[in-house]
Amino acid sequence: MLLKVTHLDAFYGDLQALHGVSIGVDAGESVALVGANGAGKTTFLKCVAGLIEQKHGSMVFAGNEISRAPAEAVARLGIALTPEGRMLFPSLNVEENLQMGGLSRRPGYWDLRRIYALFPLLAERRLQMPNTLSGGQQGLVAIGRALMANPRLLLCDEISLGLAPVAVDLIYTSFATIRAEGTAIVLVEQDVKRASAASDRIYCLLEGRVTLEGGSRDLEADVLTHAYFGT
């Protein structure tokens, strides 16, 4: 198992956002986290990435306990986050944004040449500023920037939110190539149908708790709906 999270509690001040969450990800696997807004999906990713300090429980990545590790240490171990909203550097062009992902200099498959081969559109727009790109194109830059860190685990937070279907299809198509190079993916998604198609296993979160876990192609729609909405 590449990532093993056990009994994770997370807090924003006095507000508890996660309650005893236990989730595992195998090497090279794609795992989807689904749930409504406020379910705790983004909080979970931020905990794994070392961005939330108020948390309890165990998080072990590639044999290393990371529950108290700062974000920069987590990144050096091989975890990269594609954040909700993409959060590109507005003063840097496309290629410079991509290069920011490689500052850790982790060895591996991904470099600028291979990012451009995966997303040829970015090669054409490498000198453009992020605000001149469409939302879908910005999403490609965010994924490419994360891949430049050569992660063993890629965390993707709501990357399809607000994008046109053709842009979402392009992003999801890239996951097969990313996984083929040995990178595991944790995908936060509200679209259960799309998440099921792109993952091996699904965890459903409701109000900060895991309500369902199983193989993506094994879960019946009514069972998943109950876990998603708590009805």
C-alpha atoms as a PDB file:
ATOM      1  CA  MET A   1       0.000   0.000   0.000  1.00  0.00           C
ATOM      2  CA  LEU A   2       1.386   3.389  -1.017  1.00  0.00           C
ATOM      3  CA  LEU A   3      -0.763   5.546   1.274  1.00  0.00           C
ATOM      4  CA  LYS A   4      -2.500   4.374   4.436  1.00  0.00           C
ATOM      5  CA  VAL A   5      -4.577   6.878   6.394  1.00  0.00           C
ATOM      6  CA  THR A   6      -6.040   5.609   9.661  1.00  0.00           C
ATOM      7  CA  HIS A   7      -8.542   7.265  12.023  1.00  0.00           C
ATOM      8  CA  LEU A   8      -7.905  10.769  10.689  1.00  0.00           C
ATOM      9  CA  ASP A   9      -9.585  13.662  12.478  1.00  0.00           C
ATOM     10  CA  ALA A  10      -9.138  17.199  11.129  1.00  0.00           C
ATOM     11  CA  PHE A  11     -10.154  20.561  12.520  1.00  0.00           C
ATOM     12  CA  TYR A  12     -10.605  24.183  11.476  1.00  0.00           C
ATOM     13  CA  GLY A  13     -10.383  25.868  14.836  1.00  0.00           C
ATOM     14  CA  ASP A  14     -13.174  24.377  16.937  1.00  0.00           C
ATOM     15  CA  LEU A  15     -14.925  22.883  13.924  1.00  0.00           C
ATOM     16  CA  GLN A  16     -14.192  19.212  13.290  1.00  0.00           C
ATOM     17  CA  ALA A  17     -14.188  18.532   9.538  1.00  0.00           C
ATOM     18  CA  LEU A  18     -13.085  14.871   9.452  1.00  0.00           C
ATOM     19  CA  HIS A  19     -14.132  12.137  11.867  1.00  0.00           C
ATOM     20  CA  GLY A  20     -12.031   8.975  12.002  1.00  0.00           C
ATOM     21  CA  VAL A  21     -11.442   8.737   8.251  1.00  0.00           C
ATOM     22  CA  SER A  22      -9.481   5.666   7.115  1.00  0.00           C
ATOM     23  CA  ILE A  23      -8.497   5.429   3.441  1.00  0.00           C
ATOM     24  CA  GLY A  24      -5.853   3.426   1.580  1.00  0.00           C
ATOM     25  CA  VAL A  25      -4.300   3.800  -1.856  1.00  0.00           C
ATOM     26  CA  ASP A  26      -2.204   1.117  -3.527  1.00  0.00           C
ATOM     27  CA  ALA A  27       0.749   1.919  -5.787  1.00  0.00           C
ATOM     28  CA  GLY A  28      -0.461   2.801  -9.286  1.00  0.00           C
ATOM     29  CA  GLU A  29      -4.110   2.750  -8.230  1.00  0.00           C
ATOM     30  CA  SER A  30      -6.788   5.335  -8.957  1.00  0.00           C
ATOM     31  CA  VAL A  31      -9.079   6.093  -6.020  1.00  0.00           C
ATOM     32  CA  ALA A  32     -12.048   8.471  -6.169  1.00  0.00           C
ATOM     33  CA  LEU A  33     -13.433  10.435  -3.232  1.00  0.00           C
ATOM     34  CA  VAL A  34     -17.029  11.448  -3.847  1.00  0.00           C
ATOM     35  CA  GLY A  35     -19.524  13.358  -1.786  1.00  0.00           C
ATOM     36  CA  ALA A  36     -21.546  16.539  -1.703  1.00  0.00           C
ATOM     37  CA  ASN A  37     -20.140  19.976  -0.932  1.00  0.00           C
ATOM     38  CA  GLY A  38     -18.840  20.125   2.628  1.00  0.00           C
ATOM     39  CA  ALA A  39     -18.352  16.368   2.890  1.00  0.00           C
ATOM     40  CA  GLY A  40     -14.655  16.733   3.752  1.00  0.00           C
ATOM     41  CA  LYS A  41     -13.068  15.720   0.455  1.00  0.00           C
ATOM     42  CA  THR A  42     -10.840  18.767   0.027  1.00  0.00           C
ATOM     43  CA  THR A  43      -9.930  18.692   3.708  1.00  0.00           C
ATOM     44  CA  PHE A  44      -8.715  15.130   3.316  1.00  0.00           C
ATOM     45  CA  LEU A  45      -6.464  16.047   0.388  1.00  0.00           C
ATOM     46  CA  LYS A  46      -5.071  19.036   2.269  1.00  0.00           C
ATOM     47  CA  CYS A  47      -4.275  16.810   5.252  1.00  0.00           C
ATOM     48  CA  VAL A  48      -2.355  14.370   3.062  1.00  0.00           C
ATOM     49  CA  ALA A  49      -0.495  17.254   1.399  1.00  0.00           C
ATOM     50  CA  GLY A  50       0.563  18.653   4.779  1.00  0.00           C
ATOM     51  CA  LEU A  51      -1.541  21.804   4.513  1.00  0.00           C
ATOM     52  CA  ILE A  52      -3.637  21.338   7.675  1.00  0.00           C
ATOM     53  CA  GLU A  53      -1.908  21.322  11.041  1.00  0.00           C
ATOM     54  CA  GLN A  54      -4.896  20.580  13.277  1.00  0.00           C
ATOM     55  CA  LYS A  55      -5.272  16.872  12.751  1.00  0.00           C
ATOM     56  CA  HIS A  56      -4.976  13.570  14.618  1.00  0.00           C
ATOM     57  CA  GLY A  57      -4.452  10.053  13.345  1.00  0.00           C
ATOM     58  CA  SER A  58      -1.896   8.197  11.270  1.00  0.00           C
ATOM     59  CA  MET A  59      -0.866   8.874   7.675  1.00  0.00           C
ATOM     60  CA  VAL A  60       1.840   6.609   6.248  1.00  0.00           C
ATOM     61  CA  PHE A  61       3.174   7.213   2.737  1.00  0.00           C
ATOM     62  CA  ALA A  62       5.682   4.809   1.189  1.00  0.00           C
ATOM     63  CA  GLY A  63       6.667   3.657   4.676  1.00  0.00           C
ATOM     64  CA  ASN A  64       7.053   7.188   6.045  1.00  0.00           C
ATOM     65  CA  GLU A  65       4.818   8.616   8.761  1.00  0.00           C
ATOM     66  CA  ILE A  66       3.693  11.992   7.392  1.00  0.00           C
ATOM     67  CA  SER A  67       0.951  13.006   9.802  1.00  0.00           C
ATOM     68  CA  ARG A  68       3.163  15.767  11.271  1.00  0.00           C
ATOM     69  CA  ALA A  69       5.305  16.453   8.217  1.00  0.00           C
ATOM     70  CA  PRO A  70       5.207  19.964   6.700  1.00  0.00           C
ATOM     71  CA  ALA A  71       4.028  20.431   3.132  1.00  0.00           C
ATOM     72  CA  GLU A  72       7.525  20.789   1.682  1.00  0.00           C
ATOM     73  CA  ALA A  73       8.632  17.488   3.235  1.00  0.00           C
ATOM     74  CA  VAL A  74       5.515  15.739   1.918  1.00  0.00           C
ATOM     75  CA  ALA A  75       6.212  17.080  -1.573  1.00  0.00           C
ATOM     76  CA  ARG A  76       9.800  15.851  -1.477  1.00  0.00           C
ATOM     77  CA  LEU A  77       8.554  12.356  -0.637  1.00  0.00           C
ATOM     78  CA  GLY A  78       6.485  12.327  -3.823  1.00  0.00           C
ATOM     79  CA  ILE A  79       2.988  13.720  -3.198  1.00  0.00           C
ATOM     80  CA  ALA A  80       1.718  16.490  -5.487  1.00  0.00           C
ATOM     81  CA  LEU A  81      -1.581  18.368  -5.246  1.00  0.00           C
ATOM     82  CA  THR A  82      -3.584  19.844  -8.110  1.00  0.00           C
ATOM     83  CA  PRO A  83      -5.707  22.255  -6.071  1.00  0.00           C
ATOM     84  CA  GLU A  84      -9.299  23.271  -6.594  1.00  0.00           C
ATOM     85  CA  GLY A  85      -9.330  26.472  -8.646  1.00  0.00           C
ATOM     86  CA  ARG A  86      -5.934  25.541 -10.148  1.00  0.00           C
ATOM     87  CA  MET A  87      -4.103  28.399  -8.352  1.00  0.00           C
ATOM     88  CA  LEU A  88      -1.641  29.175 -11.134  1.00  0.00           C
ATOM     89  CA  PHE A  89       0.948  31.921 -10.732  1.00  0.00           C
ATOM     90  CA  PRO A  90      -0.595  34.891 -12.599  1.00  0.00           C
ATOM     91  CA  SER A  91       2.716  36.672 -13.202  1.00  0.00           C
ATOM     92  CA  LEU A  92       4.320  33.614 -14.868  1.00  0.00           C
ATOM     93  CA  ASN A  93       3.640  32.247 -18.329  1.00  0.00           C
ATOM     94  CA  VAL A  94       2.591  28.654 -19.000  1.00  0.00           C
ATOM     95  CA  GLU A  95       6.103  27.245 -19.237  1.00  0.00           C
ATOM     96  CA  GLU A  96       7.253  29.093 -16.145  1.00  0.00           C
ATOM     97  CA  ASN A  97       4.262  27.759 -14.213  1.00  0.00           C
ATOM     98  CA  LEU A  98       5.199  24.247 -15.292  1.00  0.00           C
ATOM     99  CA  GLN A  99       8.807  24.759 -14.254  1.00  0.00           C
ATOM    100  CA  MET A 100       7.678  25.771 -10.766  1.00  0.00           C
ATOM    101  CA  GLY A 101       6.506  22.191 -10.305  1.00  0.00           C
ATOM    102  CA  GLY A 102      10.019  20.893 -10.877  1.00  0.00           C
ATOM    103  CA  LEU A 103      11.738  22.903  -8.161  1.00  0.00           C
ATOM    104  CA  SER A 104      12.030  19.845  -5.912  1.00  0.00           C
ATOM    105  CA  ARG A 105      14.133  18.177  -8.642  1.00  0.00           C
ATOM    106  CA  ARG A 106      12.744  14.740  -7.894  1.00  0.00           C
ATOM    107  CA  PRO A 107      14.046  12.283 -10.495  1.00  0.00           C
ATOM    108  CA  GLY A 108      11.524  10.586 -12.708  1.00  0.00           C
ATOM    109  CA  TYR A 109       9.787  10.326 -16.042  1.00  0.00           C
ATOM    110  CA  TRP A 110       8.178  13.742 -16.307  1.00  0.00           C
ATOM    111  CA  ASP A 111       9.903  16.785 -17.763  1.00  0.00           C
ATOM    112  CA  LEU A 112       8.813  19.652 -20.022  1.00  0.00           C
ATOM    113  CA  ARG A 113       9.193  17.589 -23.184  1.00  0.00           C
ATOM    114  CA  ARG A 114       6.931  14.840 -21.884  1.00  0.00           C
ATOM    115  CA  ILE A 115       4.384  17.275 -20.460  1.00  0.00           C
ATOM    116  CA  TYR A 116       4.138  18.872 -23.891  1.00  0.00           C
ATOM    117  CA  ALA A 117       3.779  15.436 -25.478  1.00  0.00           C
ATOM    118  CA  LEU A 118       0.911  14.662 -23.067  1.00  0.00           C
ATOM    119  CA  PHE A 119      -0.730  18.069 -23.598  1.00  0.00           C
ATOM    120  CA  PRO A 120       0.354  19.420 -27.023  1.00  0.00           C
ATOM    121  CA  LEU A 121      -1.898  22.440 -26.527  1.00  0.00           C
ATOM    122  CA  LEU A 122       0.411  23.662 -23.760  1.00  0.00           C
ATOM    123  CA  ALA A 123       3.403  23.574 -26.097  1.00  0.00           C
ATOM    124  CA  GLU A 124       1.519  25.875 -28.458  1.00  0.00           C
ATOM    125  CA  ARG A 125       0.655  28.241 -25.602  1.00  0.00           C
ATOM    126  CA  ARG A 126       3.817  27.935 -23.547  1.00  0.00           C
ATOM    127  CA  LEU A 127       4.531  31.699 -23.635  1.00  0.00           C
ATOM    128  CA  GLN A 128       0.968  32.777 -22.829  1.00  0.00           C
ATOM    129  CA  MET A 129      -0.108  34.088 -19.435  1.00  0.00           C
ATOM    130  CA  PRO A 130      -2.625  32.007 -17.438  1.00  0.00           C
ATOM    131  CA  ASN A 131      -5.381  34.632 -17.621  1.00  0.00           C
ATOM    132  CA  THR A 132      -5.424  34.295 -21.424  1.00  0.00           C
ATOM    133  CA  LEU A 133      -6.254  30.582 -21.215  1.00  0.00           C
ATOM    134  CA  SER A 134      -9.624  28.898 -20.911  1.00  0.00           C
ATOM    135  CA  GLY A 135     -10.514  27.119 -17.679  1.00  0.00           C
ATOM    136  CA  GLY A 136      -9.795  23.758 -19.275  1.00  0.00           C
ATOM    137  CA  GLN A 137      -6.395  24.892 -20.511  1.00  0.00           C
ATOM    138  CA  GLN A 138      -5.572  26.211 -17.051  1.00  0.00           C
ATOM    139  CA  GLY A 139      -6.500  22.786 -15.698  1.00  0.00           C
ATOM    140  CA  LEU A 140      -3.938  21.172 -18.003  1.00  0.00           C
ATOM    141  CA  VAL A 141      -1.279  23.569 -16.738  1.00  0.00           C
ATOM    142  CA  ALA A 142      -2.134  22.713 -13.129  1.00  0.00           C
ATOM    143  CA  ILE A 143      -1.852  18.978 -13.807  1.00  0.00           C
ATOM    144  CA  GLY A 144       1.356  19.457 -15.773  1.00  0.00           C
ATOM    145  CA  ARG A 145       2.869  21.532 -12.966  1.00  0.00           C
ATOM    146  CA  ALA A 146       2.076  18.773 -10.469  1.00  0.00           C
ATOM    147  CA  LEU A 147       3.554  16.105 -12.756  1.00  0.00           C
ATOM    148  CA  MET A 148       6.777  18.090 -13.088  1.00  0.00           C
ATOM    149  CA  ALA A 149       7.395  17.142  -9.433  1.00  0.00           C
ATOM    150  CA  ASN A 150       7.447  13.469 -10.546  1.00  0.00           C
ATOM    151  CA  PRO A 151       5.012  12.400  -7.840  1.00  0.00           C
ATOM    152  CA  ARG A 152       4.283   8.853  -6.791  1.00  0.00           C
ATOM    153  CA  LEU A 153       0.843  10.090  -5.734  1.00  0.00           C
ATOM    154  CA  LEU A 154      -1.153  12.781  -7.560  1.00  0.00           C
ATOM    155  CA  LEU A 155      -3.990  14.439  -5.638  1.00  0.00           C
ATOM    156  CA  CYS A 156      -6.605  16.034  -7.912  1.00  0.00           C
ATOM    157  CA  ASP A 157      -9.173  18.316  -6.296  1.00  0.00           C
ATOM    158  CA  GLU A 158     -12.321  19.048  -8.317  1.00  0.00           C
ATOM    159  CA  ILE A 159     -10.367  19.525 -11.537  1.00  0.00           C
ATOM    160  CA  SER A 160     -13.507  19.274 -13.680  1.00  0.00           C
ATOM    161  CA  LEU A 161     -15.473  21.904 -11.752  1.00  0.00           C
ATOM    162  CA  GLY A 162     -16.968  24.497 -14.084  1.00  0.00           C
ATOM    163  CA  LEU A 163     -15.282  23.165 -17.218  1.00  0.00           C
ATOM    164  CA  ALA A 164     -16.827  22.335 -20.576  1.00  0.00           C
ATOM    165  CA  PRO A 165     -17.328  18.583 -21.192  1.00  0.00           C
ATOM    166  CA  VAL A 166     -14.682  18.504 -23.955  1.00  0.00           C
ATOM    167  CA  ALA A 167     -12.092  19.949 -21.548  1.00  0.00           C
ATOM    168  CA  VAL A 168     -13.036  17.464 -18.849  1.00  0.00           C
ATOM    169  CA  ASP A 169     -12.727  14.584 -21.318  1.00  0.00           C
ATOM    170  CA  LEU A 170      -9.211  15.693 -22.241  1.00  0.00           C
ATOM    171  CA  ILE A 171      -8.155  15.843 -18.591  1.00  0.00           C
ATOM    172  CA  TYR A 172      -9.610  12.449 -17.756  1.00  0.00           C
ATOM    173  CA  THR A 173      -8.074  10.859 -20.835  1.00  0.00           C
ATOM    174  CA  SER A 174      -4.635  11.906 -19.568  1.00  0.00           C
ATOM    175  CA  PHE A 175      -5.051   9.825 -16.407  1.00  0.00           C
ATOM    176  CA  ALA A 176      -4.382   6.565 -18.267  1.00  0.00           C
ATOM    177  CA  THR A 177      -0.966   7.831 -19.402  1.00  0.00           C
ATOM    178  CA  ILE A 178      -0.169   9.217 -15.951  1.00  0.00           C
ATOM    179  CA  ARG A 179      -0.965   5.903 -14.281  1.00  0.00           C
ATOM    180  CA  ALA A 180       0.970   3.979 -16.937  1.00  0.00           C
ATOM    181  CA  GLU A 181       4.111   5.756 -15.698  1.00  0.00           C
ATOM    182  CA  GLY A 182       3.489   4.465 -12.174  1.00  0.00           C
ATOM    183  CA  THR A 183       1.708   7.382 -10.523  1.00  0.00           C
ATOM    184  CA  ALA A 184      -1.250   6.657  -8.257  1.00  0.00           C
ATOM    185  CA  ILE A 185      -4.160   9.113  -8.315  1.00  0.00           C
ATOM    186  CA  VAL A 186      -6.621  10.268  -5.679  1.00  0.00           C
ATOM    187  CA  LEU A 187      -9.450  12.044  -7.442  1.00  0.00           C
ATOM    188  CA  VAL A 188     -11.960  14.278  -5.652  1.00  0.00           C
ATOM    189  CA  GLU A 189     -15.080  14.536  -7.752  1.00  0.00           C
ATOM    190  CA  GLN A 190     -18.780  15.329  -7.368  1.00  0.00           C
ATOM    191  CA  ASP A 191     -19.741  13.593 -10.617  1.00  0.00           C
ATOM    192  CA  VAL A 192     -20.129  10.012  -9.394  1.00  0.00           C
ATOM    193  CA  LYS A 193     -20.534   8.528 -12.870  1.00  0.00           C
ATOM    194  CA  ARG A 194     -17.325  10.090 -14.143  1.00  0.00           C
ATOM    195  CA  ALA A 195     -15.464   9.219 -10.943  1.00  0.00           C
ATOM    196  CA  SER A 196     -16.546   5.589 -11.247  1.00  0.00           C
ATOM    197  CA  ALA A 197     -15.299   5.367 -14.824  1.00  0.00           C
ATOM    198  CA  ALA A 198     -11.893   6.826 -13.934  1.00  0.00           C
ATOM    199  CA  SER A 199     -11.121   4.905 -10.748  1.00  0.00           C
ATOM    200  CA  ASP A 200     -10.515   1.440  -9.365  1.00  0.00           C
ATOM    201  CA  ARG A 201     -12.162   2.111  -6.014  1.00  0.00           C
ATOM    202  CA  ILE A 202     -14.491   4.715  -4.532  1.00  0.00           C
ATOM    203  CA  TYR A 203     -14.792   6.146  -1.046  1.00  0.00           C
ATOM    204  CA  CYS A 204     -17.903   8.169  -0.279  1.00  0.00           C
ATOM    205  CA  LEU A 205     -17.725  10.898   2.368  1.00  0.00           C
ATOM    206  CA  LEU A 206     -20.664  12.444   4.191  1.00  0.00           C
ATOM    207  CA  GLU A 207     -20.206  15.119   6.851  1.00  0.00           C
ATOM    208  CA  GLY A 208     -16.572  14.160   7.344  1.00  0.00           C
ATOM    209  CA  ARG A 209     -17.115  10.419   7.664  1.00  0.00           C
ATOM    210  CA  VAL A 210     -16.584   7.514   5.257  1.00  0.00           C
ATOM    211  CA  THR A 211     -20.032   6.105   4.518  1.00  0.00           C
ATOM    212  CA  LEU A 212     -19.095   3.642   1.767  1.00  0.00           C
ATOM    213  CA  GLU A 213     -16.058   2.027   0.183  1.00  0.00           C
ATOM    214  CA  GLY A 214     -15.845  -0.461  -2.640  1.00  0.00           C
ATOM    215  CA  GLY A 215     -14.832  -1.297  -6.184  1.00  0.00           C
ATOM    216  CA  SER A 216     -15.947   1.373  -8.642  1.00  0.00           C
ATOM    217  CA  ARG A 217     -17.730  -1.117 -10.868  1.00  0.00           C
ATOM    218  CA  ASP A 218     -19.230  -3.132  -8.015  1.00  0.00           C
ATOM    219  CA  LEU A 219     -21.277  -0.480  -6.210  1.00  0.00           C
ATOM    220  CA  GLU A 220     -24.975  -0.349  -7.019  1.00  0.00           C
ATOM    221  CA  ALA A 221     -26.424   3.063  -7.810  1.00  0.00           C
ATOM    222  CA  ASP A 222     -28.994   3.087  -4.998  1.00  0.00           C
ATOM    223  CA  VAL A 223     -26.396   2.084  -2.392  1.00  0.00           C
ATOM    224  CA  LEU A 224     -24.054   4.820  -3.566  1.00  0.00           C
ATOM    225  CA  THR A 225     -26.872   7.370  -3.572  1.00  0.00           C
ATOM    226  CA  HIS A 226     -27.728   6.512   0.028  1.00  0.00           C
ATOM    227  CA  ALA A 227     -24.103   6.873   1.088  1.00  0.00           C
ATOM    228  CA  TYR A 228     -23.745  10.152  -0.841  1.00  0.00           C
ATOM    229  CA  PHE A 229     -26.814  11.888   0.544  1.00  0.00           C
ATOM    230  CA  GLY A 230     -27.436   9.942   3.754  1.00  0.00           C
ATOM    231  CA  THR A 231     -31.010   9.249   2.743  1.00  0.00           C
END
